[in-house]
Amino acid sequence: MSGPDLLSVEDVAVDLPTARGPLRAVDRVDLTLGAGRTLGVVGESGCGKTMLSRAILQLLPKRARLSGAVIFDGQDLARCRAAALRKLRARSLAMVFQEPMTSLNPVLTIGTQLIETLQEHLELDAAAARKRSVELLAAVGIPAPEQRLTQYPHQLSGGMRQRVAIAIALSCEPKLLIADEPTTALAVTVQAQILDLLARARRRRHMAMILITTDLGVVA
């Protein structure tokens, strides 16, 4: 028999306020995901896929109204305190956003962003965090990882930036990774590399993953 689900989304709806009244962005979604499994969420642009992921992570806009339950690892995230949510998002829940230029800080080096994440959430000292950062960049296929630590996001290609975003997301060994259209605006060959990287990371870490996309070929 399989164990309890890692994630259970139960009758979740998200309403956003507009000048014409509430807009339902997510309409009563139910889904379950077991540890180590992958779930594809497919739909056209604007259908609410990203809003669903933000509902799972409890990162909705301030005036959004959420109903239903999001049970992750036995906890209802909708009823968690802010401090508990921050801890969960740091250690157990991670997300790769569709545009790494908006998720990476443009004024901080790649090294600073990785090292600070490791020091804050894993309480590593500076030397250990730097060593781990090099290992993470190498693991996601970035050449000359020590040199990349001193570079800024704008100095990297789109594919390299997405690899850095994945390295940061994987840095604390999450139980669940949400990848929101991680291959958007990337060349076809780079898309295949990123998808292969995510698949290998999931298998190696026995990590659950939700892959959000508009492309049925990507899910396949």
C-alpha atoms as a PDB file:
ATOM      1  CA  MET A   1       0.000   0.000   0.000  1.00  0.00           C
ATOM      2  CA  SER A   2       1.171   3.504  -0.776  1.00  0.00           C
ATOM      3  CA  GLY A   3       1.557   6.028   2.009  1.00  0.00           C
ATOM      4  CA  PRO A   4      -0.374   9.264   2.459  1.00  0.00           C
ATOM      5  CA  ASP A   5      -0.129  11.877  -0.284  1.00  0.00           C
ATOM      6  CA  LEU A   6       2.569  14.509   0.080  1.00  0.00           C
ATOM      7  CA  LEU A   7       0.240  17.161  -1.360  1.00  0.00           C
ATOM      8  CA  SER A   8      -3.536  17.270  -1.412  1.00  0.00           C
ATOM      9  CA  VAL A   9      -5.384  20.239  -2.923  1.00  0.00           C
ATOM     10  CA  GLU A  10      -9.049  20.081  -1.949  1.00  0.00           C
ATOM     11  CA  ASP A  11     -11.744  22.209  -3.610  1.00  0.00           C
ATOM     12  CA  VAL A  12      -9.380  25.186  -3.943  1.00  0.00           C
ATOM     13  CA  ALA A  13     -10.738  28.384  -5.460  1.00  0.00           C
ATOM     14  CA  VAL A  14      -9.060  31.780  -5.787  1.00  0.00           C
ATOM     15  CA  ASP A  15     -11.039  34.996  -6.310  1.00  0.00           C
ATOM     16  CA  LEU A  16      -9.387  38.279  -7.283  1.00  0.00           C
ATOM     17  CA  PRO A  17     -11.040  41.671  -6.774  1.00  0.00           C
ATOM     18  CA  THR A  18     -11.620  43.755  -9.917  1.00  0.00           C
ATOM     19  CA  ALA A  19     -13.520  46.929 -10.774  1.00  0.00           C
ATOM     20  CA  ARG A  20     -16.323  44.717 -12.153  1.00  0.00           C
ATOM     21  CA  GLY A  21     -16.446  42.480  -9.112  1.00  0.00           C
ATOM     22  CA  PRO A  22     -14.660  39.276  -8.069  1.00  0.00           C
ATOM     23  CA  LEU A  23     -12.831  37.353 -10.789  1.00  0.00           C
ATOM     24  CA  ARG A  24     -12.459  33.614 -10.251  1.00  0.00           C
ATOM     25  CA  ALA A  25      -8.896  32.760 -11.277  1.00  0.00           C
ATOM     26  CA  VAL A  26      -8.906  29.178  -9.922  1.00  0.00           C
ATOM     27  CA  ASP A  27     -12.199  27.322  -9.858  1.00  0.00           C
ATOM     28  CA  ARG A  28     -12.533  24.489  -7.315  1.00  0.00           C
ATOM     29  CA  VAL A  29      -9.451  22.425  -8.117  1.00  0.00           C
ATOM     30  CA  ASP A  30      -8.754  19.023  -6.581  1.00  0.00           C
ATOM     31  CA  LEU A  31      -5.462  17.182  -7.006  1.00  0.00           C
ATOM     32  CA  THR A  32      -3.130  14.851  -5.117  1.00  0.00           C
ATOM     33  CA  LEU A  33       0.565  14.148  -5.478  1.00  0.00           C
ATOM     34  CA  GLY A  34       2.615  11.429  -3.828  1.00  0.00           C
ATOM     35  CA  ALA A  35       6.244  11.710  -2.726  1.00  0.00           C
ATOM     36  CA  GLY A  36       8.665  11.301  -5.615  1.00  0.00           C
ATOM     37  CA  ARG A  37       5.941  11.610  -8.268  1.00  0.00           C
ATOM     38  CA  THR A  38       5.505  14.137 -11.074  1.00  0.00           C
ATOM     39  CA  LEU A  39       2.256  15.919 -11.981  1.00  0.00           C
ATOM     40  CA  GLY A  40       1.791  17.897 -15.184  1.00  0.00           C
ATOM     41  CA  VAL A  41      -0.585  20.872 -15.163  1.00  0.00           C
ATOM     42  CA  VAL A  42      -1.422  21.876 -18.732  1.00  0.00           C
ATOM     43  CA  GLY A  43      -3.563  24.729 -20.030  1.00  0.00           C
ATOM     44  CA  GLU A  44      -3.622  27.775 -22.229  1.00  0.00           C
ATOM     45  CA  SER A  45      -2.099  31.070 -21.127  1.00  0.00           C
ATOM     46  CA  GLY A  46      -4.258  32.913 -18.600  1.00  0.00           C
ATOM     47  CA  CYS A  47      -6.246  29.872 -17.456  1.00  0.00           C
ATOM     48  CA  GLY A  48      -4.998  30.063 -13.846  1.00  0.00           C
ATOM     49  CA  LYS A  49      -2.082  27.611 -13.770  1.00  0.00           C
ATOM     50  CA  THR A  50       0.360  30.018 -12.124  1.00  0.00           C
ATOM     51  CA  MET A  51      -2.329  31.245  -9.710  1.00  0.00           C
ATOM     52  CA  LEU A  52      -2.897  27.636  -8.665  1.00  0.00           C
ATOM     53  CA  SER A  53       0.817  27.229  -7.950  1.00  0.00           C
ATOM     54  CA  ARG A  54       0.779  30.425  -5.904  1.00  0.00           C
ATOM     55  CA  ALA A  55      -2.225  29.145  -3.978  1.00  0.00           C
ATOM     56  CA  ILE A  56      -0.257  25.991  -3.118  1.00  0.00           C
ATOM     57  CA  LEU A  57       2.722  28.086  -1.976  1.00  0.00           C
ATOM     58  CA  GLN A  58       0.486  30.636  -0.221  1.00  0.00           C
ATOM     59  CA  LEU A  59       2.003  33.451  -2.308  1.00  0.00           C
ATOM     60  CA  LEU A  60      -1.234  34.962  -3.579  1.00  0.00           C
ATOM     61  CA  PRO A  61      -1.759  38.709  -4.122  1.00  0.00           C
ATOM     62  CA  LYS A  62      -2.733  40.498  -0.906  1.00  0.00           C
ATOM     63  CA  ARG A  63      -6.415  40.974  -1.748  1.00  0.00           C
ATOM     64  CA  ALA A  64      -6.939  37.529  -3.246  1.00  0.00           C
ATOM     65  CA  ARG A  65      -9.417  35.276  -1.459  1.00  0.00           C
ATOM     66  CA  LEU A  66      -8.601  31.585  -1.111  1.00  0.00           C
ATOM     67  CA  SER A  67     -11.091  28.883  -0.228  1.00  0.00           C
ATOM     68  CA  GLY A  68     -10.551  25.160   0.159  1.00  0.00           C
ATOM     69  CA  ALA A  69      -7.606  23.343   1.705  1.00  0.00           C
ATOM     70  CA  VAL A  70      -3.961  22.856   0.684  1.00  0.00           C
ATOM     71  CA  ILE A  71      -2.560  19.955   2.717  1.00  0.00           C
ATOM     72  CA  PHE A  72       1.193  19.533   2.417  1.00  0.00           C
ATOM     73  CA  ASP A  73       3.001  16.876   4.427  1.00  0.00           C
ATOM     74  CA  GLY A  74       0.097  16.745   6.875  1.00  0.00           C
ATOM     75  CA  GLN A  75      -0.258  20.524   7.345  1.00  0.00           C
ATOM     76  CA  ASP A  76      -2.994  22.791   5.989  1.00  0.00           C
ATOM     77  CA  LEU A  77      -0.913  25.606   4.508  1.00  0.00           C
ATOM     78  CA  ALA A  78      -3.882  27.969   4.360  1.00  0.00           C
ATOM     79  CA  ARG A  79      -3.976  27.904   8.150  1.00  0.00           C
ATOM     80  CA  CYS A  80      -0.236  28.081   8.828  1.00  0.00           C
ATOM     81  CA  ARG A  81       1.313  31.150  10.443  1.00  0.00           C
ATOM     82  CA  ALA A  82       3.563  33.326   8.289  1.00  0.00           C
ATOM     83  CA  ALA A  83       6.759  32.211  10.072  1.00  0.00           C
ATOM     84  CA  ALA A  84       5.900  28.530   9.600  1.00  0.00           C
ATOM     85  CA  LEU A  85       5.161  29.136   5.911  1.00  0.00           C
ATOM     86  CA  ARG A  86       8.503  30.871   5.381  1.00  0.00           C
ATOM     87  CA  LYS A  87      10.288  27.918   6.954  1.00  0.00           C
ATOM     88  CA  LEU A  88       8.376  25.431   4.803  1.00  0.00           C
ATOM     89  CA  ARG A  89       9.006  27.400   1.615  1.00  0.00           C
ATOM     90  CA  ALA A  90      12.690  27.520   2.450  1.00  0.00           C
ATOM     91  CA  ARG A  91      13.203  23.851   3.246  1.00  0.00           C
ATOM     92  CA  SER A  92      10.376  21.715   1.864  1.00  0.00           C
ATOM     93  CA  LEU A  93       8.669  23.696  -0.902  1.00  0.00           C
ATOM     94  CA  ALA A  94      10.508  25.341  -3.785  1.00  0.00           C
ATOM     95  CA  MET A  95       9.562  26.976  -7.066  1.00  0.00           C
ATOM     96  CA  VAL A  96      11.271  27.639 -10.380  1.00  0.00           C
ATOM     97  CA  PHE A  97       9.608  30.630 -12.010  1.00  0.00           C
ATOM     98  CA  GLN A  98       9.113  30.928 -15.764  1.00  0.00           C
ATOM     99  CA  GLU A  99      11.387  33.961 -16.169  1.00  0.00           C
ATOM    100  CA  PRO A 100      14.624  33.774 -14.167  1.00  0.00           C
ATOM    101  CA  MET A 101      15.456  37.445 -14.857  1.00  0.00           C
ATOM    102  CA  THR A 102      12.551  38.361 -12.587  1.00  0.00           C
ATOM    103  CA  SER A 103      13.232  35.721  -9.900  1.00  0.00           C
ATOM    104  CA  LEU A 104      16.984  36.373  -9.669  1.00  0.00           C
ATOM    105  CA  ASN A 105      18.139  39.625  -8.080  1.00  0.00           C
ATOM    106  CA  PRO A 106      19.854  41.630 -10.859  1.00  0.00           C
ATOM    107  CA  VAL A 107      22.117  43.593  -8.481  1.00  0.00           C
ATOM    108  CA  LEU A 108      23.528  40.599  -6.593  1.00  0.00           C
ATOM    109  CA  THR A 109      26.051  38.101  -7.917  1.00  0.00           C
ATOM    110  CA  ILE A 110      25.039  34.491  -8.460  1.00  0.00           C
ATOM    111  CA  GLY A 111      27.307  33.502  -5.573  1.00  0.00           C
ATOM    112  CA  THR A 112      25.718  35.949  -3.156  1.00  0.00           C
ATOM    113  CA  GLN A 113      22.228  34.683  -3.954  1.00  0.00           C
ATOM    114  CA  LEU A 114      23.190  31.032  -3.517  1.00  0.00           C
ATOM    115  CA  ILE A 115      25.422  31.490  -0.485  1.00  0.00           C
ATOM    116  CA  GLU A 116      22.909  33.666   1.380  1.00  0.00           C
ATOM    117  CA  THR A 117      20.172  31.071   0.767  1.00  0.00           C
ATOM    118  CA  LEU A 118      22.335  28.290   2.187  1.00  0.00           C
ATOM    119  CA  GLN A 119      23.482  30.336   5.177  1.00  0.00           C
ATOM    120  CA  GLU A 120      19.969  31.483   6.029  1.00  0.00           C
ATOM    121  CA  HIS A 121      18.154  28.165   5.707  1.00  0.00           C
ATOM    122  CA  LEU A 122      20.805  25.513   6.345  1.00  0.00           C
ATOM    123  CA  GLU A 123      22.909  27.590   8.744  1.00  0.00           C
ATOM    124  CA  LEU A 124      26.165  26.845   6.930  1.00  0.00           C
ATOM    125  CA  ASP A 125      29.239  28.978   7.525  1.00  0.00           C
ATOM    126  CA  ALA A 126      30.605  31.057   4.626  1.00  0.00           C
ATOM    127  CA  ALA A 127      33.221  28.512   3.498  1.00  0.00           C
ATOM    128  CA  ALA A 128      30.809  25.578   3.568  1.00  0.00           C
ATOM    129  CA  ALA A 129      28.100  27.589   1.800  1.00  0.00           C
ATOM    130  CA  ARG A 130      30.527  28.613  -0.948  1.00  0.00           C
ATOM    131  CA  LYS A 131      31.690  25.017  -1.437  1.00  0.00           C
ATOM    132  CA  ARG A 132      28.085  23.808  -1.590  1.00  0.00           C
ATOM    133  CA  SER A 133      27.219  26.587  -4.078  1.00  0.00           C
ATOM    134  CA  VAL A 134      29.966  25.419  -6.441  1.00  0.00           C
ATOM    135  CA  GLU A 135      28.689  21.847  -6.142  1.00  0.00           C
ATOM    136  CA  LEU A 136      25.109  22.922  -6.894  1.00  0.00           C
ATOM    137  CA  LEU A 137      26.096  24.911  -9.988  1.00  0.00           C
ATOM    138  CA  ALA A 138      28.153  21.972 -11.240  1.00  0.00           C
ATOM    139  CA  ALA A 139      25.242  19.605 -10.577  1.00  0.00           C
ATOM    140  CA  VAL A 140      22.918  21.637 -12.838  1.00  0.00           C
ATOM    141  CA  GLY A 141      25.462  21.585 -15.655  1.00  0.00           C
ATOM    142  CA  ILE A 142      27.024  25.039 -15.385  1.00  0.00           C
ATOM    143  CA  PRO A 143      30.659  25.042 -16.575  1.00  0.00           C
ATOM    144  CA  ALA A 144      33.362  26.829 -14.553  1.00  0.00           C
ATOM    145  CA  PRO A 145      31.035  27.107 -11.522  1.00  0.00           C
ATOM    146  CA  GLU A 146      33.547  28.976  -9.332  1.00  0.00           C
ATOM    147  CA  GLN A 147      33.826  31.699 -11.958  1.00  0.00           C
ATOM    148  CA  ARG A 148      30.023  31.944 -12.261  1.00  0.00           C
ATOM    149  CA  LEU A 149      29.737  32.761  -8.554  1.00  0.00           C
ATOM    150  CA  THR A 150      31.244  36.191  -9.243  1.00  0.00           C
ATOM    151  CA  GLN A 151      28.950  36.988 -12.187  1.00  0.00           C
ATOM    152  CA  TYR A 152      25.595  38.786 -12.293  1.00  0.00           C
ATOM    153  CA  PRO A 153      22.419  37.369 -13.892  1.00  0.00           C
ATOM    154  CA  HIS A 154      22.652  39.651 -16.956  1.00  0.00           C
ATOM    155  CA  GLN A 155      26.048  38.142 -17.770  1.00  0.00           C
ATOM    156  CA  LEU A 156      24.532  34.694 -18.286  1.00  0.00           C
ATOM    157  CA  SER A 157      22.440  33.311 -21.138  1.00  0.00           C
ATOM    158  CA  GLY A 158      18.745  32.521 -20.599  1.00  0.00           C
ATOM    159  CA  GLY A 159      19.490  28.816 -20.254  1.00  0.00           C
ATOM    160  CA  MET A 160      22.258  29.456 -17.735  1.00  0.00           C
ATOM    161  CA  ARG A 161      20.020  31.762 -15.691  1.00  0.00           C
ATOM    162  CA  GLN A 162      17.357  29.063 -15.570  1.00  0.00           C
ATOM    163  CA  ARG A 163      19.967  26.543 -14.390  1.00  0.00           C
ATOM    164  CA  VAL A 164      20.964  28.949 -11.608  1.00  0.00           C
ATOM    165  CA  ALA A 165      17.311  29.333 -10.608  1.00  0.00           C
ATOM    166  CA  ILE A 166      17.004  25.545 -10.464  1.00  0.00           C
ATOM    167  CA  ALA A 167      20.196  25.295  -8.372  1.00  0.00           C
ATOM    168  CA  ILE A 168      18.785  27.792  -5.863  1.00  0.00           C
ATOM    169  CA  ALA A 169      15.446  25.942  -5.752  1.00  0.00           C
ATOM    170  CA  LEU A 170      17.215  22.615  -5.136  1.00  0.00           C
ATOM    171  CA  SER A 171      19.718  24.017  -2.617  1.00  0.00           C
ATOM    172  CA  CYS A 172      17.729  23.027   0.471  1.00  0.00           C
ATOM    173  CA  GLU A 173      16.661  19.600  -0.859  1.00  0.00           C
ATOM    174  CA  PRO A 174      12.900  20.328  -1.094  1.00  0.00           C
ATOM    175  CA  LYS A 175      10.266  17.603  -0.936  1.00  0.00           C
ATOM    176  CA  LEU A 176       8.217  19.340  -3.636  1.00  0.00           C
ATOM    177  CA  LEU A 177       9.414  21.457  -6.557  1.00  0.00           C
ATOM    178  CA  ILE A 178       6.977  23.490  -8.641  1.00  0.00           C
ATOM    179  CA  ALA A 179       8.365  24.366 -12.078  1.00  0.00           C
ATOM    180  CA  ASP A 180       6.246  27.076 -13.711  1.00  0.00           C
ATOM    181  CA  GLU A 181       6.878  26.932 -17.468  1.00  0.00           C
ATOM    182  CA  PRO A 182      10.626  26.501 -16.877  1.00  0.00           C
ATOM    183  CA  THR A 183      11.444  26.342 -20.605  1.00  0.00           C
ATOM    184  CA  THR A 184       9.634  29.512 -21.720  1.00  0.00           C
ATOM    185  CA  ALA A 185      11.610  31.587 -24.254  1.00  0.00           C
ATOM    186  CA  LEU A 186      14.459  29.075 -24.389  1.00  0.00           C
ATOM    187  CA  ALA A 187      15.813  27.501 -27.562  1.00  0.00           C
ATOM    188  CA  VAL A 188      14.479  24.008 -28.313  1.00  0.00           C
ATOM    189  CA  THR A 189      17.799  22.300 -27.551  1.00  0.00           C
ATOM    190  CA  VAL A 190      18.092  24.190 -24.256  1.00  0.00           C
ATOM    191  CA  GLN A 191      14.488  23.272 -23.385  1.00  0.00           C
ATOM    192  CA  ALA A 192      15.374  19.587 -23.692  1.00  0.00           C
ATOM    193  CA  GLN A 193      18.429  20.051 -21.457  1.00  0.00           C
ATOM    194  CA  ILE A 194      16.412  21.853 -18.754  1.00  0.00           C
ATOM    195  CA  LEU A 195      13.669  19.198 -18.792  1.00  0.00           C
ATOM    196  CA  ASP A 196      16.274  16.430 -18.561  1.00  0.00           C
ATOM    197  CA  LEU A 197      17.943  18.253 -15.668  1.00  0.00           C
ATOM    198  CA  LEU A 198      14.643  18.513 -13.776  1.00  0.00           C
ATOM    199  CA  ALA A 199      13.833  14.850 -14.399  1.00  0.00           C
ATOM    200  CA  ARG A 200      17.244  13.712 -13.163  1.00  0.00           C
ATOM    201  CA  ALA A 201      17.029  15.952 -10.084  1.00  0.00           C
ATOM    202  CA  ARG A 202      13.613  14.516  -9.243  1.00  0.00           C
ATOM    203  CA  ARG A 203      14.814  10.918  -9.517  1.00  0.00           C
ATOM    204  CA  ARG A 204      18.054  11.499  -7.623  1.00  0.00           C
ATOM    205  CA  ARG A 205      16.364  13.284  -4.716  1.00  0.00           C
ATOM    206  CA  HIS A 206      13.090  11.285  -4.776  1.00  0.00           C
ATOM    207  CA  MET A 207      11.431  14.694  -4.981  1.00  0.00           C
ATOM    208  CA  ALA A 208       7.842  15.356  -6.018  1.00  0.00           C
ATOM    209  CA  MET A 209       7.426  17.824  -8.871  1.00  0.00           C
ATOM    210  CA  ILE A 210       4.581  19.816 -10.427  1.00  0.00           C
ATOM    211  CA  LEU A 211       5.389  20.864 -14.000  1.00  0.00           C
ATOM    212  CA  ILE A 212       3.247  23.731 -15.302  1.00  0.00           C
ATOM    213  CA  THR A 213       3.190  24.310 -19.043  1.00  0.00           C
ATOM    214  CA  THR A 214       1.121  25.243 -22.098  1.00  0.00           C
ATOM    215  CA  ASP A 215       2.891  22.568 -24.145  1.00  0.00           C
ATOM    216  CA  LEU A 216       1.681  18.969 -24.188  1.00  0.00           C
ATOM    217  CA  GLY A 217       4.991  17.947 -25.754  1.00  0.00           C
ATOM    218  CA  VAL A 218       6.876  19.256 -22.722  1.00  0.00           C
ATOM    219  CA  VAL A 219       4.722  17.154 -20.377  1.00  0.00           C
ATOM    220  CA  ALA A 220       5.202  14.067 -22.552  1.00  0.00           C
END
